[in-house]
C-alpha atoms as a PDB file:
ATOM      1  CA  UNK A   1      94.219 -26.219  35.406  1.00  0.00           C
ATOM      2  CA  UNK A   2      93.070 -29.702  34.414  1.00  0.00           C
ATOM      3  CA  UNK A   3      89.921 -31.006  36.069  1.00  0.00           C
ATOM      4  CA  UNK A   4      88.042 -34.264  36.522  1.00  0.00           C
ATOM      5  CA  UNK A   5      84.244 -34.482  36.449  1.00  0.00           C
ATOM      6  CA  UNK A   6      82.482 -37.311  38.282  1.00  0.00           C
ATOM      7  CA  UNK A   7      78.850 -38.316  38.504  1.00  0.00           C
ATOM      8  CA  UNK A   8      78.292 -41.025  41.116  1.00  0.00           C
ATOM      9  CA  UNK A   9      74.868 -42.636  41.172  1.00  0.00           C
ATOM     10  CA  UNK A  10      73.278 -45.251  43.410  1.00  0.00           C
ATOM     11  CA  UNK A  11      70.739 -47.473  41.653  1.00  0.00           C
ATOM     12  CA  UNK A  12      67.753 -48.710  43.609  1.00  0.00           C
ATOM     13  CA  UNK A  13      68.096 -52.317  44.814  1.00  0.00           C
ATOM     14  CA  UNK A  14      67.600 -54.892  42.082  1.00  0.00           C
ATOM     15  CA  UNK A  15      68.258 -52.452  39.222  1.00  0.00           C
ATOM     16  CA  UNK A  16      72.065 -52.487  38.977  1.00  0.00           C
ATOM     17  CA  UNK A  17      72.115 -54.158  35.540  1.00  0.00           C
ATOM     18  CA  UNK A  18      69.627 -51.609  34.181  1.00  0.00           C
ATOM     19  CA  UNK A  19      71.661 -48.768  35.708  1.00  0.00           C
ATOM     20  CA  UNK A  20      74.889 -50.068  34.165  1.00  0.00           C
ATOM     21  CA  UNK A  21      73.217 -50.329  30.753  1.00  0.00           C
ATOM     22  CA  UNK A  22      71.912 -46.766  31.051  1.00  0.00           C
ATOM     23  CA  UNK A  23      75.376 -45.482  31.997  1.00  0.00           C
ATOM     24  CA  UNK A  24      76.877 -47.208  28.939  1.00  0.00           C
ATOM     25  CA  UNK A  25      74.276 -45.586  26.673  1.00  0.00           C
ATOM     26  CA  UNK A  26      74.850 -42.188  28.258  1.00  0.00           C
ATOM     27  CA  UNK A  27      78.635 -42.472  27.880  1.00  0.00           C
ATOM     28  CA  UNK A  28      78.267 -43.504  24.220  1.00  0.00           C
ATOM     29  CA  UNK A  29      75.943 -40.557  23.551  1.00  0.00           C
ATOM     30  CA  UNK A  30      78.397 -38.119  25.161  1.00  0.00           C
ATOM     31  CA  UNK A  31      81.245 -39.535  23.076  1.00  0.00           C
ATOM     32  CA  UNK A  32      79.223 -39.290  19.860  1.00  0.00           C
ATOM     33  CA  UNK A  33      77.848 -35.794  20.482  1.00  0.00           C
ATOM     34  CA  UNK A  34      80.857 -34.080  22.061  1.00  0.00           C
ATOM     35  CA  UNK A  35      83.873 -36.371  21.696  1.00  0.00           C
ATOM     36  CA  UNK A  36      84.098 -36.833  25.475  1.00  0.00           C
ATOM     37  CA  UNK A  37      85.801 -40.016  26.628  1.00  0.00           C
ATOM     38  CA  UNK A  38      83.821 -41.132  29.663  1.00  0.00           C
ATOM     39  CA  UNK A  39      84.936 -43.957  31.933  1.00  0.00           C
ATOM     40  CA  UNK A  40      82.296 -46.068  33.643  1.00  0.00           C
ATOM     41  CA  UNK A  41      83.246 -47.504  37.020  1.00  0.00           C
ATOM     42  CA  UNK A  42      81.467 -49.693  39.562  1.00  0.00           C
ATOM     43  CA  UNK A  43      82.205 -49.259  43.239  1.00  0.00           C
ATOM     44  CA  UNK A  44      84.002 -52.048  45.054  1.00  0.00           C
ATOM     45  CA  UNK A  45      83.505 -51.704  48.790  1.00  0.00           C
ATOM     46  CA  UNK A  46      81.453 -49.028  50.469  1.00  0.00           C
ATOM     47  CA  UNK A  47      77.950 -48.651  49.075  1.00  0.00           C
ATOM     48  CA  UNK A  48      78.004 -51.652  46.758  1.00  0.00           C
ATOM     49  CA  UNK A  49      76.379 -51.044  43.403  1.00  0.00           C
ATOM     50  CA  UNK A  50      77.267 -47.400  42.947  1.00  0.00           C
ATOM     51  CA  UNK A  51      78.284 -46.518  39.417  1.00  0.00           C
ATOM     52  CA  UNK A  52      80.376 -43.555  38.362  1.00  0.00           C
ATOM     53  CA  UNK A  53      80.928 -41.680  35.143  1.00  0.00           C
ATOM     54  CA  UNK A  54      84.356 -40.023  35.054  1.00  0.00           C
ATOM     55  CA  UNK A  55      85.686 -37.597  32.439  1.00  0.00           C
ATOM     56  CA  UNK A  56      88.829 -35.492  32.172  1.00  0.00           C
ATOM     57  CA  UNK A  57      88.905 -31.892  30.941  1.00  0.00           C
ATOM     58  CA  UNK A  58      91.475 -29.168  30.306  1.00  0.00           C
ATOM     59  CA  UNK A  59      89.835 -26.541  32.515  1.00  0.00           C
ATOM     60  CA  UNK A  60      86.640 -25.477  34.289  1.00  0.00           C
ATOM     61  CA  UNK A  61      85.489 -23.419  31.324  1.00  0.00           C
ATOM     62  CA  UNK A  62      85.405 -26.539  29.189  1.00  0.00           C
ATOM     63  CA  UNK A  63      83.125 -28.238  31.720  1.00  0.00           C
ATOM     64  CA  UNK A  64      80.833 -25.198  31.890  1.00  0.00           C
ATOM     65  CA  UNK A  65      80.503 -25.085  28.091  1.00  0.00           C
ATOM     66  CA  UNK A  66      79.823 -28.820  27.899  1.00  0.00           C
ATOM     67  CA  UNK A  67      77.234 -28.723  30.689  1.00  0.00           C
ATOM     68  CA  UNK A  68      75.273 -25.997  28.876  1.00  0.00           C
ATOM     69  CA  UNK A  69      75.283 -28.040  25.663  1.00  0.00           C
ATOM     70  CA  UNK A  70      74.409 -31.267  27.461  1.00  0.00           C
ATOM     71  CA  UNK A  71      71.524 -29.681  29.379  1.00  0.00           C
ATOM     72  CA  UNK A  72      70.074 -28.285  26.143  1.00  0.00           C
ATOM     73  CA  UNK A  73      70.472 -31.629  24.367  1.00  0.00           C
ATOM     74  CA  UNK A  74      68.900 -33.536  27.275  1.00  0.00           C
ATOM     75  CA  UNK A  75      65.915 -31.173  27.128  1.00  0.00           C
ATOM     76  CA  UNK A  76      65.717 -31.783  23.353  1.00  0.00           C
ATOM     77  CA  UNK A  77      65.776 -35.562  23.878  1.00  0.00           C
ATOM     78  CA  UNK A  78      69.177 -36.051  22.204  1.00  0.00           C
ATOM     79  CA  UNK A  79      70.941 -37.456  25.286  1.00  0.00           C
ATOM     80  CA  UNK A  80      69.499 -40.431  27.224  1.00  0.00           C
ATOM     81  CA  UNK A  81      68.043 -39.828  30.678  1.00  0.00           C
ATOM     82  CA  UNK A  82      67.456 -42.489  33.338  1.00  0.00           C
ATOM     83  CA  UNK A  83      64.094 -44.146  33.770  1.00  0.00           C
ATOM     84  CA  UNK A  84      62.058 -42.787  36.679  1.00  0.00           C
ATOM     85  CA  UNK A  85      63.133 -44.404  39.933  1.00  0.00           C
ATOM     86  CA  UNK A  86      66.281 -46.023  38.502  1.00  0.00           C
ATOM     87  CA  UNK A  87      68.612 -44.197  40.898  1.00  0.00           C
ATOM     88  CA  UNK A  88      68.020 -43.394  44.549  1.00  0.00           C
ATOM     89  CA  UNK A  89      70.797 -40.789  44.628  1.00  0.00           C
ATOM     90  CA  UNK A  90      73.222 -39.069  42.263  1.00  0.00           C
ATOM     91  CA  UNK A  91      75.974 -36.578  42.958  1.00  0.00           C
ATOM     92  CA  UNK A  92      78.222 -34.578  40.640  1.00  0.00           C
ATOM     93  CA  UNK A  93      81.677 -33.355  41.616  1.00  0.00           C
ATOM     94  CA  UNK A  94      84.525 -31.492  39.948  1.00  0.00           C
ATOM     95  CA  UNK A  95      88.064 -32.303  41.061  1.00  0.00           C
ATOM     96  CA  UNK A  96      91.240 -30.324  40.378  1.00  0.00           C
ATOM     97  CA  UNK A  97      94.075 -32.479  39.043  1.00  0.00           C
ATOM     98  CA  UNK A  98      97.232 -32.164  41.103  1.00  0.00           C
END
């Protein structure tokens, strides 16, 4: 079953531009390393300033495999990580496509 992965992050006040730039770099790195097309979205309404990375996958196994690779590459310094204190909150979610 097809799934959608989201990571929604709330930058600390005054750092939205820096957060958006980080998200663009992260999305580009994911595309280059794994061929993942990642959408970057900014929230309109609700908690203003939230940014979201969204990607679409064929199944849960694909996400599990990618997460293992990404975690290893983050630890190896191959994938960008946010500066300390850039985000006040981040949440990942996996959605089933209907």
